[in-house]
Protein backbone atom coordinates (compact mmCIF):
# COMPACT_ATOMS: atom_id res chain seq x y z
CA MET A 1 -39.81 -30.23 -2.04
CA LEU A 2 -36.06 -30.84 -2.38
CA ALA A 3 -36.59 -32.36 -5.84
CA ALA A 4 -38.48 -29.22 -6.88
CA VAL A 5 -35.68 -27.00 -5.57
CA ASN A 6 -33.11 -29.07 -7.47
CA ALA A 7 -35.18 -28.84 -10.65
CA VAL A 8 -35.26 -25.04 -10.33
CA LEU A 9 -31.56 -24.62 -9.48
CA ALA A 10 -29.98 -27.16 -11.88
CA PRO A 11 -30.36 -25.17 -15.12
CA HIS A 12 -29.12 -22.01 -13.42
CA ALA A 13 -26.12 -23.80 -11.95
CA GLU A 14 -25.30 -25.18 -15.39
CA ARG A 15 -25.52 -21.71 -16.93
CA LEU A 16 -23.37 -20.21 -14.17
CA LEU A 17 -20.74 -22.91 -14.69
CA ASP A 18 -20.61 -22.25 -18.44
CA GLU A 19 -20.35 -18.49 -17.86
CA ALA A 20 -17.67 -18.96 -15.18
CA LYS A 21 -15.57 -21.12 -17.51
CA ALA A 22 -15.77 -18.49 -20.25
CA LEU A 23 -14.90 -15.68 -17.83
CA LYS A 24 -12.00 -17.67 -16.40
CA ALA A 25 -10.55 -18.11 -19.89
CA GLN A 26 -10.92 -14.39 -20.61
CA LEU A 27 -9.41 -13.37 -17.27
CA ALA A 28 -6.51 -15.81 -17.62
CA ALA A 29 -5.68 -14.56 -21.11
CA ARG A 30 -5.77 -10.90 -20.07
CA TRP A 31 -3.79 -11.57 -16.87
CA HIS A 32 -1.02 -13.30 -18.82
CA VAL A 33 -0.85 -10.65 -21.54
CA LEU A 34 -0.56 -7.90 -18.89
CA GLN A 35 2.11 -9.90 -17.11
CA PHE A 36 3.98 -10.33 -20.41
CA MET A 37 3.86 -6.58 -21.11
CA PHE A 38 5.05 -5.60 -17.65
CA THR A 39 7.38 -8.47 -16.73
CA PRO A 40 11.00 -7.52 -16.03
CA ALA A 41 12.19 -9.47 -19.08
CA ASN A 42 10.08 -7.35 -21.48
CA ARG A 43 9.40 -4.06 -19.77
CA ASP A 44 12.60 -2.30 -20.82
CA ASP A 45 11.92 -3.04 -24.50
CA LEU A 46 8.21 -2.23 -24.31
CA ILE A 47 8.23 0.65 -21.86
CA GLY A 48 11.66 2.14 -22.40
CA GLY A 49 13.06 1.71 -18.91
CA TRP A 50 11.49 0.96 -15.60
CA PRO A 51 10.88 3.66 -13.01
CA SER A 52 12.10 3.05 -9.49
CA THR A 53 11.61 6.58 -8.13
CA SER A 54 8.91 9.18 -8.57
CA ASP A 55 11.37 11.32 -10.56
CA GLU A 56 11.89 8.46 -13.02
CA VAL A 57 8.13 7.97 -13.33
CA SER A 58 7.74 11.68 -14.08
CA ALA A 59 10.55 11.51 -16.65
CA LEU A 60 8.90 8.57 -18.43
CA GLU A 61 5.53 10.29 -18.40
CA ALA A 62 7.16 13.41 -19.84
CA ARG A 63 8.53 11.27 -22.69
CA ASN A 64 4.96 10.21 -23.47
CA ALA A 65 5.44 6.63 -22.29
CA PRO A 66 1.83 5.69 -21.58
CA LEU A 67 2.66 2.15 -20.48
CA ALA A 68 4.84 3.57 -17.73
CA GLU A 69 1.83 5.43 -16.40
CA LEU A 70 -0.02 2.14 -16.04
CA HIS A 71 2.66 0.08 -14.33
CA GLU A 72 1.44 0.62 -10.76
CA LYS A 73 -2.20 -0.07 -11.65
CA VAL A 74 -1.27 -3.20 -13.60
CA TRP A 75 0.89 -4.67 -10.85
CA GLU A 76 -1.70 -3.82 -8.22
CA PHE A 77 -4.28 -5.74 -10.24
CA LEU A 78 -2.01 -8.67 -11.12
CA SER A 79 -0.94 -9.20 -7.55
CA HIS A 80 -4.35 -8.70 -5.91
CA VAL A 81 -6.90 -10.52 -8.05
CA ASN A 82 -9.16 -11.92 -5.35
CA VAL A 83 -12.34 -13.61 -6.47
CA HIS A 84 -13.20 -14.69 -2.92
CA ASP A 85 -13.90 -11.24 -1.49
CA GLU A 86 -15.77 -10.05 -4.58
CA GLY A 87 -17.89 -13.19 -4.62
CA LYS A 88 -19.15 -13.09 -1.03
CA ALA A 89 -22.09 -10.77 -1.81
CA ALA A 90 -23.26 -13.02 -4.65
CA VAL A 91 -23.11 -16.07 -2.41
CA ALA A 92 -25.15 -14.31 0.26
CA ARG A 93 -27.91 -13.56 -2.29
CA TRP A 94 -27.97 -17.17 -3.50
CA ARG A 95 -27.99 -18.49 0.08
CA GLN A 96 -31.13 -16.46 0.78
CA VAL A 97 -32.77 -17.71 -2.41
CA CYS A 98 -31.98 -21.34 -1.57
CA GLU A 99 -33.59 -20.88 1.85
CA GLN A 100 -36.66 -19.35 0.17
CA LEU A 101 -36.82 -22.15 -2.38
CA LEU A 102 -36.99 -24.74 0.39
CA ARG A 103 -40.22 -23.06 1.48
CA ASN A 104 -41.49 -22.09 -1.97
CA ALA A 105 -40.20 -23.63 -5.24
CA GLU A 106 -41.56 -20.58 -7.09
CA ALA A 107 -39.27 -18.09 -5.29
CA PRO A 108 -37.51 -15.72 -7.74
CA LEU A 109 -33.83 -16.32 -8.48
CA PRO A 110 -31.14 -13.65 -8.56
CA THR A 111 -30.31 -12.27 -11.97
């Protein structure tokens, strides 16, 4: 039965690995570009000053500085990318499927 389970899971694991590698490359590229845009070395040139108070944020927004409006969202994302928490639900689904496959090699896989 274990050989049958392995035969069912192997192609899916291979596909997931290929997709994960592609997603990692996309995420890494986007993360670094956002960091470049909002890093202290570049932000004054790209954003036109960096707000440290709510009044300064309002002043930048009033000058139509759209990047300034994004700074909090960008830094929140850059500093809190956490694939572990987001992945727990997916792992739970696959754990259930693996248990089902040990009883029935025809059990449906998650999409």
